[in-house]
């Protein structure tokens, strides 16, 4: 696995880097400049209605800006999932019409964290650490699906969870 880059809960709002925001603003301004200054000078036929021009110009500008914001998001999100940021940024940049971003969201790996016991990198959907067998999340002892710590029975197979003897730290406080 690649090195893990962790972004804390308070930093989730800053998943789009500043360079991406600057490029997105520049792309929006560039598209608007092209549609309002360059293109009208080259027209040889009557202009469409002003409302249509405003809609068309703004929508193309927003799409260009969103394109670069998505590339910035992928650059921060991919390392959190132990994926190659450069590869996925290239895919998002090269694939037309947002297809690269759709592929990224379809194929991205689960979040990666560290085992509290041995610090091994583990995926967010793991129930046990692959190195030290530390139980990371509450799971059914019969079908091994994720369960909430407050559940008394498994929602998938109906197994009674009290007989599984989960560690005390995974049990919720009950009145």
C-alpha atoms as a PDB file:
ATOM      1  CA  UNK A   1       0.000   0.000   0.000  1.00  0.00           C
ATOM      2  CA  UNK A   2       1.044   3.578  -0.565  1.00  0.00           C
ATOM      3  CA  UNK A   3       1.767   5.957   2.279  1.00  0.00           C
ATOM      4  CA  UNK A   4      -1.382   7.134   3.990  1.00  0.00           C
ATOM      5  CA  UNK A   5      -2.285  10.811   3.901  1.00  0.00           C
ATOM      6  CA  UNK A   6      -4.819  11.619   6.587  1.00  0.00           C
ATOM      7  CA  UNK A   7      -7.066  14.627   6.557  1.00  0.00           C
ATOM      8  CA  UNK A   8      -8.824  15.233   9.845  1.00  0.00           C
ATOM      9  CA  UNK A   9     -12.550  15.731  10.246  1.00  0.00           C
ATOM     10  CA  UNK A  10     -12.127  19.491  10.588  1.00  0.00           C
ATOM     11  CA  UNK A  11     -10.251  19.588   7.282  1.00  0.00           C
ATOM     12  CA  UNK A  12     -12.885  17.812   5.183  1.00  0.00           C
ATOM     13  CA  UNK A  13     -14.169  21.174   4.004  1.00  0.00           C
ATOM     14  CA  UNK A  14     -10.730  21.913   2.551  1.00  0.00           C
ATOM     15  CA  UNK A  15     -10.557  18.933   0.208  1.00  0.00           C
ATOM     16  CA  UNK A  16     -10.121  21.220  -2.804  1.00  0.00           C
ATOM     17  CA  UNK A  17      -6.609  22.729  -2.868  1.00  0.00           C
ATOM     18  CA  UNK A  18      -5.963  26.413  -3.449  1.00  0.00           C
ATOM     19  CA  UNK A  19      -4.189  25.822  -6.783  1.00  0.00           C
ATOM     20  CA  UNK A  20      -7.315  24.117  -8.089  1.00  0.00           C
ATOM     21  CA  UNK A  21      -9.518  27.021  -7.000  1.00  0.00           C
ATOM     22  CA  UNK A  22      -7.189  29.515  -8.702  1.00  0.00           C
ATOM     23  CA  UNK A  23      -7.184  27.512 -11.946  1.00  0.00           C
ATOM     24  CA  UNK A  24     -10.982  27.120 -11.775  1.00  0.00           C
ATOM     25  CA  UNK A  25     -11.455  30.887 -11.388  1.00  0.00           C
ATOM     26  CA  UNK A  26      -9.034  31.495 -14.259  1.00  0.00           C
ATOM     27  CA  UNK A  27     -10.899  28.976 -16.431  1.00  0.00           C
ATOM     28  CA  UNK A  28     -14.250  30.625 -15.634  1.00  0.00           C
ATOM     29  CA  UNK A  29     -12.882  34.093 -16.438  1.00  0.00           C
ATOM     30  CA  UNK A  30     -11.212  32.774 -19.612  1.00  0.00           C
ATOM     31  CA  UNK A  31     -14.429  31.178 -20.872  1.00  0.00           C
ATOM     32  CA  UNK A  32     -16.418  34.326 -20.106  1.00  0.00           C
ATOM     33  CA  UNK A  33     -13.813  36.470 -21.885  1.00  0.00           C
ATOM     34  CA  UNK A  34     -13.950  34.203 -24.908  1.00  0.00           C
ATOM     35  CA  UNK A  35     -17.763  34.198 -25.101  1.00  0.00           C
ATOM     36  CA  UNK A  36     -18.265  37.919 -24.398  1.00  0.00           C
ATOM     37  CA  UNK A  37     -15.226  39.498 -26.152  1.00  0.00           C
ATOM     38  CA  UNK A  38     -13.571  37.181 -28.676  1.00  0.00           C
ATOM     39  CA  UNK A  39     -16.552  35.297 -30.130  1.00  0.00           C
ATOM     40  CA  UNK A  40     -18.820  38.328 -30.809  1.00  0.00           C
ATOM     41  CA  UNK A  41     -16.016  39.972 -32.811  1.00  0.00           C
ATOM     42  CA  UNK A  42     -15.889  36.946 -35.145  1.00  0.00           C
ATOM     43  CA  UNK A  43     -19.665  36.618 -35.746  1.00  0.00           C
ATOM     44  CA  UNK A  44     -21.032  37.292 -39.198  1.00  0.00           C
ATOM     45  CA  UNK A  45     -24.682  36.553 -38.403  1.00  0.00           C
ATOM     46  CA  UNK A  46     -27.208  38.057 -35.962  1.00  0.00           C
ATOM     47  CA  UNK A  47     -26.610  37.365 -32.270  1.00  0.00           C
ATOM     48  CA  UNK A  48     -28.995  35.066 -30.383  1.00  0.00           C
ATOM     49  CA  UNK A  49     -31.222  36.550 -27.648  1.00  0.00           C
ATOM     50  CA  UNK A  50     -29.385  38.028 -24.640  1.00  0.00           C
ATOM     51  CA  UNK A  51     -30.967  35.591 -22.143  1.00  0.00           C
ATOM     52  CA  UNK A  52     -29.736  32.624 -24.154  1.00  0.00           C
ATOM     53  CA  UNK A  53     -26.244  34.133 -24.369  1.00  0.00           C
ATOM     54  CA  UNK A  54     -26.100  34.676 -20.614  1.00  0.00           C
ATOM     55  CA  UNK A  55     -27.258  31.114 -19.927  1.00  0.00           C
ATOM     56  CA  UNK A  56     -24.845  29.599 -22.429  1.00  0.00           C
ATOM     57  CA  UNK A  57     -21.860  31.655 -21.293  1.00  0.00           C
ATOM     58  CA  UNK A  58     -22.380  31.093 -17.589  1.00  0.00           C
ATOM     59  CA  UNK A  59     -23.048  27.372 -17.955  1.00  0.00           C
ATOM     60  CA  UNK A  60     -19.877  26.806 -19.998  1.00  0.00           C
ATOM     61  CA  UNK A  61     -17.871  28.870 -17.523  1.00  0.00           C
ATOM     62  CA  UNK A  62     -19.217  26.918 -14.549  1.00  0.00           C
ATOM     63  CA  UNK A  63     -18.539  23.597 -16.283  1.00  0.00           C
ATOM     64  CA  UNK A  64     -14.939  24.614 -16.999  1.00  0.00           C
ATOM     65  CA  UNK A  65     -14.468  25.679 -13.369  1.00  0.00           C
ATOM     66  CA  UNK A  66     -16.032  22.457 -12.016  1.00  0.00           C
ATOM     67  CA  UNK A  67     -13.698  20.435 -14.221  1.00  0.00           C
ATOM     68  CA  UNK A  68     -10.627  21.879 -12.483  1.00  0.00           C
ATOM     69  CA  UNK A  69     -12.216  21.752  -9.033  1.00  0.00           C
ATOM     70  CA  UNK A  70     -12.846  18.019  -9.544  1.00  0.00           C
ATOM     71  CA  UNK A  71      -9.222  17.442 -10.503  1.00  0.00           C
ATOM     72  CA  UNK A  72      -8.188  19.256  -7.315  1.00  0.00           C
ATOM     73  CA  UNK A  73     -10.563  17.144  -5.226  1.00  0.00           C
ATOM     74  CA  UNK A  74      -9.165  13.937  -6.719  1.00  0.00           C
ATOM     75  CA  UNK A  75      -5.628  15.130  -5.925  1.00  0.00           C
ATOM     76  CA  UNK A  76      -6.515  15.242  -2.206  1.00  0.00           C
ATOM     77  CA  UNK A  77      -8.934  12.307  -2.013  1.00  0.00           C
ATOM     78  CA  UNK A  78      -6.869   9.659  -3.823  1.00  0.00           C
ATOM     79  CA  UNK A  79      -3.987   9.609  -1.289  1.00  0.00           C
ATOM     80  CA  UNK A  80      -6.515   9.160   1.547  1.00  0.00           C
ATOM     81  CA  UNK A  81      -7.572   5.962  -0.180  1.00  0.00           C
ATOM     82  CA  UNK A  82      -4.029   4.715  -0.972  1.00  0.00           C
ATOM     83  CA  UNK A  83      -4.513   5.412  -4.670  1.00  0.00           C
ATOM     84  CA  UNK A  84      -2.195   7.187  -7.102  1.00  0.00           C
ATOM     85  CA  UNK A  85      -3.219  10.855  -7.203  1.00  0.00           C
ATOM     86  CA  UNK A  86      -1.200  11.543 -10.376  1.00  0.00           C
ATOM     87  CA  UNK A  87      -2.773   8.663 -12.276  1.00  0.00           C
ATOM     88  CA  UNK A  88      -6.340   9.603 -11.354  1.00  0.00           C
ATOM     89  CA  UNK A  89      -5.752  13.310 -11.965  1.00  0.00           C
ATOM     90  CA  UNK A  90      -4.487  12.393 -15.440  1.00  0.00           C
ATOM     91  CA  UNK A  91      -7.528  10.191 -16.071  1.00  0.00           C
ATOM     92  CA  UNK A  92      -9.884  12.977 -14.936  1.00  0.00           C
ATOM     93  CA  UNK A  93      -8.052  15.518 -17.099  1.00  0.00           C
ATOM     94  CA  UNK A  94      -7.827  13.405 -20.260  1.00  0.00           C
ATOM     95  CA  UNK A  95     -11.241  11.718 -20.288  1.00  0.00           C
ATOM     96  CA  UNK A  96     -13.795  14.056 -21.896  1.00  0.00           C
ATOM     97  CA  UNK A  97     -17.030  15.257 -20.369  1.00  0.00           C
ATOM     98  CA  UNK A  98     -16.355  14.196 -16.793  1.00  0.00           C
ATOM     99  CA  UNK A  99     -16.068  10.496 -17.638  1.00  0.00           C
ATOM    100  CA  UNK A 100     -12.743  10.334 -15.775  1.00  0.00           C
ATOM    101  CA  UNK A 101     -14.365  11.701 -12.608  1.00  0.00           C
ATOM    102  CA  UNK A 102     -17.206   9.187 -12.903  1.00  0.00           C
ATOM    103  CA  UNK A 103     -14.660   6.373 -13.284  1.00  0.00           C
ATOM    104  CA  UNK A 104     -12.779   7.648 -10.240  1.00  0.00           C
ATOM    105  CA  UNK A 105     -15.894   7.607  -8.063  1.00  0.00           C
ATOM    106  CA  UNK A 106     -16.917   4.170  -9.324  1.00  0.00           C
ATOM    107  CA  UNK A 107     -13.484   2.583  -8.848  1.00  0.00           C
ATOM    108  CA  UNK A 108     -12.065   4.378  -5.817  1.00  0.00           C
ATOM    109  CA  UNK A 109     -10.959   2.320  -2.853  1.00  0.00           C
ATOM    110  CA  UNK A 110     -12.439   2.619   0.643  1.00  0.00           C
ATOM    111  CA  UNK A 111     -10.864   5.047   3.083  1.00  0.00           C
ATOM    112  CA  UNK A 112      -7.662   3.804   4.688  1.00  0.00           C
ATOM    113  CA  UNK A 113      -6.773   4.170   8.363  1.00  0.00           C
ATOM    114  CA  UNK A 114      -4.395   2.677  10.891  1.00  0.00           C
ATOM    115  CA  UNK A 115      -5.021  -0.195  13.273  1.00  0.00           C
ATOM    116  CA  UNK A 116      -5.070   1.166  16.852  1.00  0.00           C
ATOM    117  CA  UNK A 117      -3.117  -1.839  18.103  1.00  0.00           C
ATOM    118  CA  UNK A 118      -0.267  -2.240  15.593  1.00  0.00           C
ATOM    119  CA  UNK A 119      -0.523   0.810  13.264  1.00  0.00           C
ATOM    120  CA  UNK A 120      -0.930  -1.325  10.136  1.00  0.00           C
ATOM    121  CA  UNK A 121      -2.759   0.359   7.253  1.00  0.00           C
ATOM    122  CA  UNK A 122      -6.273  -1.079   7.073  1.00  0.00           C
ATOM    123  CA  UNK A 123      -9.209  -0.314   4.816  1.00  0.00           C
ATOM    124  CA  UNK A 124     -12.257   1.278   6.361  1.00  0.00           C
ATOM    125  CA  UNK A 125     -14.452  -1.749   5.676  1.00  0.00           C
ATOM    126  CA  UNK A 126     -12.183  -4.239   7.490  1.00  0.00           C
ATOM    127  CA  UNK A 127     -13.592  -5.846  10.627  1.00  0.00           C
ATOM    128  CA  UNK A 128     -10.253  -7.220  11.839  1.00  0.00           C
ATOM    129  CA  UNK A 129      -6.659  -6.102  11.387  1.00  0.00           C
ATOM    130  CA  UNK A 130      -4.892  -8.445   8.926  1.00  0.00           C
ATOM    131  CA  UNK A 131      -1.670  -8.317  10.984  1.00  0.00           C
ATOM    132  CA  UNK A 132      -2.715  -8.613  14.644  1.00  0.00           C
ATOM    133  CA  UNK A 133      -6.371  -9.790  14.475  1.00  0.00           C
ATOM    134  CA  UNK A 134      -7.526  -6.705  16.432  1.00  0.00           C
ATOM    135  CA  UNK A 135     -11.299  -6.300  16.044  1.00  0.00           C
ATOM    136  CA  UNK A 136     -11.822  -2.896  14.410  1.00  0.00           C
ATOM    137  CA  UNK A 137     -15.616  -2.821  14.084  1.00  0.00           C
ATOM    138  CA  UNK A 138     -18.571  -4.696  15.461  1.00  0.00           C
ATOM    139  CA  UNK A 139     -19.557  -7.591  13.207  1.00  0.00           C
ATOM    140  CA  UNK A 140     -21.845 -10.604  13.289  1.00  0.00           C
ATOM    141  CA  UNK A 141     -20.174 -13.809  14.422  1.00  0.00           C
ATOM    142  CA  UNK A 142     -22.229 -15.841  11.953  1.00  0.00           C
ATOM    143  CA  UNK A 143     -22.249 -13.931   8.641  1.00  0.00           C
ATOM    144  CA  UNK A 144     -19.487 -11.394   9.499  1.00  0.00           C
ATOM    145  CA  UNK A 145     -21.504  -8.405   8.273  1.00  0.00           C
ATOM    146  CA  UNK A 146     -21.130  -5.030   9.960  1.00  0.00           C
ATOM    147  CA  UNK A 147     -23.555  -4.425  12.808  1.00  0.00           C
ATOM    148  CA  UNK A 148     -24.123  -1.484  15.118  1.00  0.00           C
ATOM    149  CA  UNK A 149     -22.855  -1.846  18.638  1.00  0.00           C
ATOM    150  CA  UNK A 150     -26.419  -1.329  19.917  1.00  0.00           C
ATOM    151  CA  UNK A 151     -27.929  -4.155  17.833  1.00  0.00           C
ATOM    152  CA  UNK A 152     -28.983  -7.287  19.678  1.00  0.00           C
ATOM    153  CA  UNK A 153     -29.523  -9.361  16.534  1.00  0.00           C
ATOM    154  CA  UNK A 154     -27.876  -9.307  13.118  1.00  0.00           C
ATOM    155  CA  UNK A 155     -30.083  -7.604  10.537  1.00  0.00           C
ATOM    156  CA  UNK A 156     -28.872  -9.964   7.791  1.00  0.00           C
ATOM    157  CA  UNK A 157     -29.048 -13.425   9.323  1.00  0.00           C
ATOM    158  CA  UNK A 158     -30.846 -12.934  12.661  1.00  0.00           C
ATOM    159  CA  UNK A 159     -27.904 -14.242  14.714  1.00  0.00           C
ATOM    160  CA  UNK A 160     -27.995 -13.255  18.410  1.00  0.00           C
ATOM    161  CA  UNK A 161     -25.033 -10.903  18.840  1.00  0.00           C
ATOM    162  CA  UNK A 162     -24.786 -11.308  22.620  1.00  0.00           C
ATOM    163  CA  UNK A 163     -23.282 -14.778  22.203  1.00  0.00           C
ATOM    164  CA  UNK A 164     -20.405 -13.419  20.051  1.00  0.00           C
ATOM    165  CA  UNK A 165     -18.556 -11.843  23.019  1.00  0.00           C
ATOM    166  CA  UNK A 166     -17.477  -8.693  21.215  1.00  0.00           C
ATOM    167  CA  UNK A 167     -14.814  -6.635  23.013  1.00  0.00           C
ATOM    168  CA  UNK A 168     -16.253  -4.246  25.586  1.00  0.00           C
ATOM    169  CA  UNK A 169     -14.966  -1.219  23.677  1.00  0.00           C
ATOM    170  CA  UNK A 170     -17.327  -2.100  20.791  1.00  0.00           C
ATOM    171  CA  UNK A 171     -20.410  -2.322  22.985  1.00  0.00           C
ATOM    172  CA  UNK A 172     -22.423   0.868  23.448  1.00  0.00           C
ATOM    173  CA  UNK A 173     -23.326   2.090  26.912  1.00  0.00           C
ATOM    174  CA  UNK A 174     -26.822   0.870  27.775  1.00  0.00           C
ATOM    175  CA  UNK A 175     -29.070   2.217  30.473  1.00  0.00           C
END
